[in-house]
Amino acid sequence: MSTFERLAEAVIDPDAEAVETLVRELLEEGHRPRDIIERGLIAGMDVVGERFRKNEMFIPEVMMSARAMHAGLDVLRPLLTESDAGYRGVFVICTVKGDVHDIGKNLVAMMFEGAGFKVIDLGTDVPPEKVVEAVREHGADLVGLSTLLTTTLDNMKETVEVLRKSGLEVKVMVGGAAVTQEFAEEIGAGYAENANEAVALGRTLMEEG
């Protein structure tokens, strides 16, 4: 088994200490940080995502794998410049105004980072104007909006409307326990039922340009 394969396995069967050690080994062998991310960390998270989709892994396990992956990213991040980071896109994510739930949002953010996106996490209870500001500041390609509460669906709708009126070219995807496919279509956003579907949708939206 190659060091890259061992790294992917350490993400899948989460061992943050092993991930950090293997990342350092690969760096010492002269591998580029971007290759380590693609062939080790992302390769592992892709398997995690697929197992999650098949109900072979569950949220607590996925979170542990994501944390292990982050242990590797923490080593590599200082070595990456904007030019060689090779991000697939910039993803702004938040829980909308009026809702402070963040477990689902955090999982989606981790999965997107594991899939090679630059993630800007605005946190919870975020007003529409702050989302627009972040999209403009970071040149975001995608926005992810989350809510668990039916009482804040109107705030999600308002955020999408404010983004549209801002004239910024950005794709919007929504999710969370209170959100349905029908609601997403009504407000003109993409819909993902879980973190793995969110990453798949994000990749598709990026390919569409």
Protein backbone atom coordinates (compact mmCIF):
# COMPACT_ATOMS: atom_id res chain seq x y z
CA MET A 1 0.00 0.00 0.00
CA SER A 2 1.41 3.38 -1.01
CA THR A 3 1.74 6.26 1.45
CA PHE A 4 -1.09 8.03 -0.38
CA GLU A 5 -3.34 4.98 0.09
CA ARG A 6 -2.38 4.74 3.77
CA LEU A 7 -3.26 8.42 4.15
CA ALA A 8 -6.67 7.89 2.54
CA GLU A 9 -7.27 4.91 4.88
CA ALA A 10 -6.33 7.04 7.90
CA VAL A 11 -9.05 9.49 6.86
CA ILE A 12 -11.64 6.76 6.23
CA ASP A 13 -10.90 4.89 9.47
CA PRO A 14 -10.26 8.13 11.29
CA ASP A 15 -6.87 8.47 12.89
CA ALA A 16 -5.94 12.15 13.03
CA GLU A 17 -2.46 11.43 14.43
CA ALA A 18 -1.69 9.03 11.58
CA VAL A 19 -3.03 11.53 9.02
CA GLU A 20 -0.71 14.24 10.32
CA THR A 21 2.28 11.86 10.36
CA LEU A 22 1.62 10.57 6.84
CA VAL A 23 1.16 14.09 5.44
CA ARG A 24 4.54 15.05 6.89
CA GLU A 25 6.09 11.89 5.41
CA LEU A 26 4.76 12.75 1.96
CA LEU A 27 6.08 16.30 2.24
CA GLU A 28 9.52 14.95 3.20
CA GLU A 29 9.38 12.71 0.11
CA GLY A 30 8.95 15.86 -1.99
CA HIS A 31 5.28 15.60 -2.93
CA ARG A 32 3.37 18.81 -3.62
CA PRO A 33 0.75 19.85 -1.04
CA ARG A 34 -1.96 19.88 -3.74
CA ASP A 35 -1.16 16.27 -4.69
CA ILE A 36 -1.30 15.20 -1.05
CA ILE A 37 -4.72 16.80 -0.73
CA GLU A 38 -6.06 15.28 -3.96
CA ARG A 39 -4.53 11.78 -3.77
CA GLY A 40 -4.75 11.32 0.01
CA LEU A 41 -7.22 13.54 1.86
CA ILE A 42 -9.83 14.03 -0.88
CA ALA A 43 -9.52 10.39 -1.98
CA GLY A 44 -10.34 9.34 1.58
CA MET A 45 -13.24 11.77 1.97
CA ASP A 46 -14.71 10.63 -1.36
CA VAL A 47 -14.96 7.10 0.06
CA VAL A 48 -16.45 8.47 3.28
CA GLY A 49 -19.04 10.40 1.27
CA GLU A 50 -19.98 7.33 -0.74
CA ARG A 51 -20.34 5.19 2.40
CA PHE A 52 -22.45 7.91 3.99
CA ARG A 53 -24.70 7.92 0.90
CA LYS A 54 -25.14 4.15 1.20
CA ASN A 55 -25.89 4.38 4.94
CA GLU A 56 -22.69 2.45 5.68
CA MET A 57 -21.39 5.40 7.71
CA PHE A 58 -23.35 7.85 9.85
CA ILE A 59 -22.95 11.48 10.83
CA PRO A 60 -20.76 10.95 13.96
CA GLU A 61 -18.36 8.76 11.95
CA VAL A 62 -18.30 11.20 9.03
CA MET A 63 -17.52 14.04 11.44
CA MET A 64 -14.60 12.05 12.86
CA SER A 65 -13.24 11.39 9.36
CA ALA A 66 -13.64 15.07 8.52
CA ARG A 67 -11.69 16.04 11.64
CA ALA A 68 -8.94 13.59 10.71
CA MET A 69 -8.84 15.14 7.24
CA HIS A 70 -8.57 18.58 8.84
CA ALA A 71 -5.51 17.45 10.81
CA GLY A 72 -3.82 16.96 7.44
CA LEU A 73 -5.11 20.20 5.99
CA ASP A 74 -3.79 22.10 9.02
CA VAL A 75 -0.27 20.89 8.16
CA LEU A 76 -0.62 21.74 4.47
CA ARG A 77 -2.53 25.02 4.59
CA PRO A 78 0.49 27.25 5.45
CA LEU A 79 2.32 25.76 2.43
CA LEU A 80 -0.43 26.57 -0.04
CA THR A 81 -0.56 29.87 -1.89
CA GLU A 82 -3.73 31.06 -3.58
CA SER A 83 -2.23 30.18 -6.96
CA ASP A 84 -1.15 26.62 -6.21
CA ALA A 85 -4.00 25.72 -3.88
CA GLY A 86 -5.99 24.76 -6.96
CA TYR A 87 -9.38 25.18 -5.30
CA ARG A 88 -12.33 23.76 -7.20
CA GLY A 89 -14.29 26.84 -6.19
CA VAL A 90 -15.12 29.18 -3.34
CA PHE A 91 -18.07 28.16 -1.16
CA VAL A 92 -19.76 30.51 1.32
CA ILE A 93 -21.97 28.74 3.85
CA CYS A 94 -24.10 29.77 6.82
CA THR A 95 -27.19 29.07 8.86
CA VAL A 96 -29.71 31.78 8.02
CA LYS A 97 -30.89 34.60 10.24
CA GLY A 98 -32.99 33.44 13.19
CA ASP A 99 -31.49 29.94 13.45
CA VAL A 100 -28.44 28.96 15.53
CA HIS A 101 -28.25 25.25 14.64
CA ASP A 102 -24.91 24.34 13.12
CA ILE A 103 -24.20 20.58 13.18
CA GLY A 104 -25.47 19.98 9.64
CA LYS A 105 -23.86 23.18 8.37
CA ASN A 106 -20.52 22.22 9.93
CA LEU A 107 -20.63 18.78 8.33
CA VAL A 108 -21.36 20.25 4.89
CA ALA A 109 -18.54 22.78 5.34
CA MET A 110 -16.09 20.00 6.27
CA MET A 111 -17.18 17.84 3.34
CA PHE A 112 -16.75 20.74 0.90
CA GLU A 113 -13.28 21.46 2.22
CA GLY A 114 -12.49 17.77 1.92
CA ALA A 115 -13.68 17.95 -1.70
CA GLY A 116 -11.18 20.68 -2.52
CA PHE A 117 -13.25 23.84 -2.12
CA LYS A 118 -12.17 26.98 -0.30
CA VAL A 119 -14.85 27.30 2.40
CA ILE A 120 -15.95 30.56 4.00
CA ASP A 121 -18.12 29.62 7.00
CA LEU A 122 -20.09 32.62 8.24
CA GLY A 123 -21.57 30.74 11.21
CA THR A 124 -25.17 30.92 12.38
CA ASP A 125 -27.94 33.53 12.55
CA VAL A 126 -26.51 35.30 9.49
CA PRO A 127 -28.45 38.19 7.89
CA PRO A 128 -28.76 38.38 4.08
CA GLU A 129 -26.53 41.44 3.80
CA LYS A 130 -23.62 39.60 5.44
CA VAL A 131 -23.95 36.78 2.89
CA VAL A 132 -23.84 39.26 0.00
CA GLU A 133 -20.82 40.98 1.55
CA ALA A 134 -18.95 37.66 1.88
CA VAL A 135 -19.77 36.60 -1.70
CA ARG A 136 -18.47 39.91 -3.00
CA GLU A 137 -15.35 39.92 -0.80
CA HIS A 138 -14.28 36.35 -1.57
CA GLY A 139 -15.53 36.07 -5.16
CA ALA A 140 -17.65 33.06 -4.19
CA ASP A 141 -18.91 30.61 -6.79
CA LEU A 142 -21.43 28.89 -4.54
CA VAL A 143 -23.54 29.78 -1.51
CA GLY A 144 -24.96 27.19 0.89
CA LEU A 145 -27.84 28.18 3.18
CA SER A 146 -29.07 25.99 6.01
CA THR A 147 -31.98 26.04 8.44
CA LEU A 148 -33.63 23.52 10.72
CA LEU A 149 -36.58 25.75 11.60
CA THR A 150 -39.71 26.25 9.52
CA THR A 151 -40.02 29.69 11.15
CA THR A 152 -36.85 30.85 9.36
CA LEU A 153 -37.72 29.62 5.87
CA ASP A 154 -38.84 33.15 5.00
CA ASN A 155 -35.38 34.38 6.00
CA MET A 156 -33.81 31.81 3.67
CA LYS A 157 -36.08 33.01 0.87
CA GLU A 158 -35.16 36.63 1.64
CA THR A 159 -31.44 35.80 1.52
CA VAL A 160 -31.81 34.25 -1.93
CA GLU A 161 -33.77 37.28 -3.12
CA VAL A 162 -31.18 39.73 -1.77
CA LEU A 163 -28.41 37.75 -3.49
CA ARG A 164 -30.32 37.86 -6.78
CA LYS A 165 -30.93 41.61 -6.49
CA SER A 166 -27.23 42.20 -5.74
CA GLY A 167 -26.40 41.19 -9.31
CA LEU A 168 -23.66 38.82 -8.14
CA GLU A 169 -23.13 35.74 -10.31
CA VAL A 170 -23.36 33.00 -7.69
CA LYS A 171 -25.16 29.67 -7.49
CA VAL A 172 -27.26 29.02 -4.39
CA MET A 173 -28.00 25.70 -2.72
CA VAL A 174 -30.15 25.11 0.34
CA GLY A 175 -30.71 22.36 2.86
CA GLY A 176 -31.65 21.49 6.42
CA ALA A 177 -34.48 19.68 8.17
CA ALA A 178 -37.07 22.35 7.35
CA VAL A 179 -36.19 22.56 3.65
CA THR A 180 -37.83 20.54 0.86
CA GLN A 181 -37.14 20.11 -2.84
CA GLU A 182 -40.38 21.99 -3.56
CA PHE A 183 -39.37 24.94 -1.39
CA ALA A 184 -35.93 25.08 -3.01
CA GLU A 185 -37.50 25.15 -6.47
CA GLU A 186 -39.93 27.85 -5.36
CA ILE A 187 -37.10 30.17 -4.29
CA GLY A 188 -34.86 29.27 -7.23
CA ALA A 189 -32.14 27.36 -5.40
CA GLY A 190 -30.56 23.92 -5.65
CA TYR A 191 -31.52 21.39 -2.99
CA ALA A 192 -29.45 18.78 -1.19
CA GLU A 193 -30.85 16.40 1.40
CA ASN A 194 -27.53 15.66 3.10
CA ALA A 195 -23.85 16.61 3.10
CA ASN A 196 -22.81 14.10 0.46
CA GLU A 197 -25.58 15.24 -1.91
CA ALA A 198 -24.54 18.84 -1.23
CA VAL A 199 -20.99 18.15 -2.42
CA ALA A 200 -22.26 16.32 -5.50
CA LEU A 201 -24.60 19.21 -6.29
CA GLY A 202 -21.81 21.74 -5.74
CA ARG A 203 -19.55 19.90 -8.17
CA THR A 204 -22.36 19.76 -10.74
CA LEU A 205 -23.12 23.46 -10.40
CA MET A 206 -19.41 24.29 -10.86
CA GLU A 207 -19.26 22.15 -14.02
CA GLU A 208 -22.29 23.96 -15.42
CA GLY A 209 -20.41 27.23 -15.01
